[in-house]
């Protein structure tokens, strides 16, 4: 099987983000590698996880 990929320019006019979760990835276009990590230096009992808060409108 022969498979040919032709990547062309991408143009994005506008993006509106109304909220962000505690672990989010927002991509436009291609990527080879995504590396994510997270470290907490706070005891678990002092961590407060509440409802998501939307970003302020602009």
N, C-alpha and C. Protein backbone atom coordinates (compact mmCIF):
# COMPACT_ATOMS: atom_id res chain seq x y z
N UNK A 1 0.84 -1.16 0.00
CA UNK A 1 0.00 0.00 0.00
C UNK A 1 0.89 1.23 0.00
N UNK A 2 0.65 2.16 -0.90
CA UNK A 2 1.33 3.45 -0.93
C UNK A 2 0.39 4.51 -0.38
N UNK A 3 0.91 5.32 0.54
CA UNK A 3 0.09 6.35 1.17
C UNK A 3 0.87 7.66 1.13
N UNK A 4 0.30 8.67 0.52
CA UNK A 4 0.97 9.96 0.39
C UNK A 4 0.19 11.01 1.18
N UNK A 5 0.91 11.75 2.02
CA UNK A 5 0.31 12.83 2.80
C UNK A 5 0.93 14.14 2.34
N UNK A 6 0.08 15.10 2.00
CA UNK A 6 0.55 16.42 1.61
C UNK A 6 0.03 17.43 2.63
N UNK A 7 0.92 17.94 3.47
CA UNK A 7 0.53 18.94 4.46
C UNK A 7 0.55 20.32 3.82
N UNK A 8 -0.54 21.02 3.95
CA UNK A 8 -0.63 22.37 3.40
C UNK A 8 -0.81 23.35 4.54
N UNK A 9 -0.71 24.63 4.23
CA UNK A 9 -0.87 25.67 5.25
C UNK A 9 -2.26 25.61 5.86
N UNK A 10 -2.32 25.93 7.14
CA UNK A 10 -3.60 26.01 7.84
C UNK A 10 -3.78 27.45 8.30
N UNK A 11 -4.96 27.97 8.12
CA UNK A 11 -5.26 29.34 8.54
C UNK A 11 -6.46 29.29 9.48
N UNK A 12 -6.29 29.85 10.66
CA UNK A 12 -7.35 29.89 11.65
C UNK A 12 -7.76 31.34 11.83
N UNK A 13 -9.04 31.63 11.60
CA UNK A 13 -9.52 33.00 11.70
C UNK A 13 -9.71 33.45 13.14
N UNK A 14 -10.43 32.69 13.93
CA UNK A 14 -10.69 33.07 15.32
C UNK A 14 -10.98 31.82 16.14
N UNK A 15 -10.62 31.87 17.40
CA UNK A 15 -10.87 30.77 18.32
C UNK A 15 -11.46 31.38 19.58
N UNK A 16 -12.52 30.78 20.09
CA UNK A 16 -13.12 31.22 21.35
C UNK A 16 -13.08 30.05 22.32
N UNK A 17 -12.39 30.23 23.43
CA UNK A 17 -12.31 29.22 24.48
C UNK A 17 -13.19 29.70 25.62
N UNK A 18 -14.19 28.91 25.98
CA UNK A 18 -15.13 29.33 27.02
C UNK A 18 -14.82 28.70 28.37
N UNK A 19 -13.94 27.72 28.42
CA UNK A 19 -13.59 27.11 29.69
C UNK A 19 -12.39 26.19 29.51
N UNK A 20 -11.69 25.93 30.60
CA UNK A 20 -10.52 25.07 30.58
C UNK A 20 -10.65 24.09 31.74
N UNK A 21 -10.48 22.81 31.45
CA UNK A 21 -10.55 21.81 32.52
C UNK A 21 -9.19 21.69 33.20
N UNK A 22 -9.12 20.87 34.23
CA UNK A 22 -7.87 20.74 34.98
C UNK A 22 -6.78 20.04 34.18
N UNK A 23 -7.13 19.30 33.16
CA UNK A 23 -6.12 18.72 32.27
C UNK A 23 -6.61 18.91 30.84
N UNK A 24 -5.99 19.84 30.14
CA UNK A 24 -6.45 20.21 28.80
C UNK A 24 -5.29 20.24 27.81
N UNK A 25 -5.60 19.91 26.58
CA UNK A 25 -4.67 20.06 25.47
C UNK A 25 -5.45 20.69 24.33
N UNK A 26 -4.93 21.77 23.79
CA UNK A 26 -5.58 22.46 22.67
C UNK A 26 -4.57 22.53 21.55
N UNK A 27 -4.86 21.87 20.44
CA UNK A 27 -3.92 21.80 19.32
C UNK A 27 -4.54 22.35 18.05
N UNK A 28 -3.73 23.03 17.28
CA UNK A 28 -4.09 23.40 15.92
C UNK A 28 -2.92 22.94 15.06
N UNK A 29 -3.18 22.04 14.15
CA UNK A 29 -2.12 21.54 13.28
C UNK A 29 -1.58 20.20 13.75
N UNK A 30 -0.37 19.89 13.31
CA UNK A 30 0.25 18.60 13.58
C UNK A 30 1.22 18.70 14.75
N UNK A 31 1.47 17.56 15.36
CA UNK A 31 2.49 17.46 16.40
C UNK A 31 3.13 16.09 16.34
N UNK A 32 4.39 16.01 16.69
CA UNK A 32 5.07 14.72 16.72
C UNK A 32 4.99 14.08 18.10
N UNK A 33 5.16 14.89 19.14
CA UNK A 33 5.22 14.36 20.50
C UNK A 33 4.50 15.29 21.46
N UNK A 34 3.73 14.70 22.37
CA UNK A 34 3.12 15.45 23.46
C UNK A 34 3.56 14.77 24.75
N UNK A 35 4.21 15.53 25.62
CA UNK A 35 4.64 15.00 26.92
C UNK A 35 3.95 15.79 28.01
N UNK A 36 3.23 15.09 28.87
CA UNK A 36 2.52 15.73 29.97
C UNK A 36 3.01 15.19 31.29
N UNK A 37 3.06 16.06 32.29
CA UNK A 37 3.41 15.61 33.63
C UNK A 37 2.72 16.51 34.65
N UNK A 38 2.60 16.00 35.85
CA UNK A 38 1.96 16.75 36.91
C UNK A 38 2.58 16.35 38.24
N UNK A 39 2.84 17.36 39.07
CA UNK A 39 3.44 17.10 40.37
C UNK A 39 2.71 17.94 41.41
N UNK A 40 2.33 17.33 42.51
CA UNK A 40 1.72 18.05 43.64
C UNK A 40 2.68 17.96 44.82
N UNK A 41 3.03 19.10 45.39
CA UNK A 41 3.85 19.10 46.58
C UNK A 41 3.00 19.44 47.82
N UNK A 42 1.69 19.38 47.66
CA UNK A 42 0.76 19.70 48.72
C UNK A 42 0.12 18.40 49.22
N UNK A 43 -0.11 18.26 50.51
CA UNK A 43 -0.79 17.06 50.98
C UNK A 43 -2.19 16.94 50.36
N UNK A 44 -2.63 15.74 50.04
CA UNK A 44 -3.93 15.57 49.36
C UNK A 44 -5.10 16.18 50.13
N UNK A 45 -5.05 16.19 51.46
CA UNK A 45 -6.18 16.71 52.23
C UNK A 45 -6.33 18.23 52.11
N UNK A 46 -5.28 18.94 51.67
CA UNK A 46 -5.39 20.39 51.52
C UNK A 46 -5.74 20.80 50.09
N UNK A 47 -5.85 19.85 49.19
CA UNK A 47 -6.20 20.14 47.80
C UNK A 47 -7.71 20.31 47.69
N UNK A 48 -8.12 21.43 47.16
CA UNK A 48 -9.55 21.72 47.00
C UNK A 48 -9.88 21.68 45.51
N UNK A 49 -10.76 20.77 45.13
CA UNK A 49 -11.19 20.67 43.74
C UNK A 49 -12.64 21.12 43.68
N UNK A 50 -12.88 22.22 42.99
CA UNK A 50 -14.22 22.78 42.90
C UNK A 50 -14.75 22.70 41.50
N UNK A 51 -15.90 23.32 41.27
CA UNK A 51 -16.49 23.31 39.93
C UNK A 51 -15.65 24.13 38.95
N UNK A 52 -15.80 23.82 37.68
CA UNK A 52 -15.06 24.56 36.66
C UNK A 52 -15.62 25.97 36.56
N UNK A 53 -14.74 26.92 36.35
CA UNK A 53 -15.14 28.32 36.23
C UNK A 53 -14.85 28.76 34.80
N UNK A 54 -15.85 29.24 34.07
CA UNK A 54 -15.61 29.66 32.69
C UNK A 54 -14.74 30.90 32.64
N UNK A 55 -14.03 31.05 31.56
CA UNK A 55 -13.19 32.24 31.36
C UNK A 55 -14.07 33.47 31.18
N UNK A 56 -13.56 34.61 31.57
CA UNK A 56 -14.34 35.85 31.44
C UNK A 56 -14.50 36.22 29.97
N UNK A 57 -15.70 36.65 29.55
CA UNK A 57 -15.90 37.05 28.16
C UNK A 57 -15.09 38.30 27.83
N UNK A 58 -14.65 38.38 26.58
CA UNK A 58 -13.86 39.54 26.15
C UNK A 58 -14.58 40.30 25.08
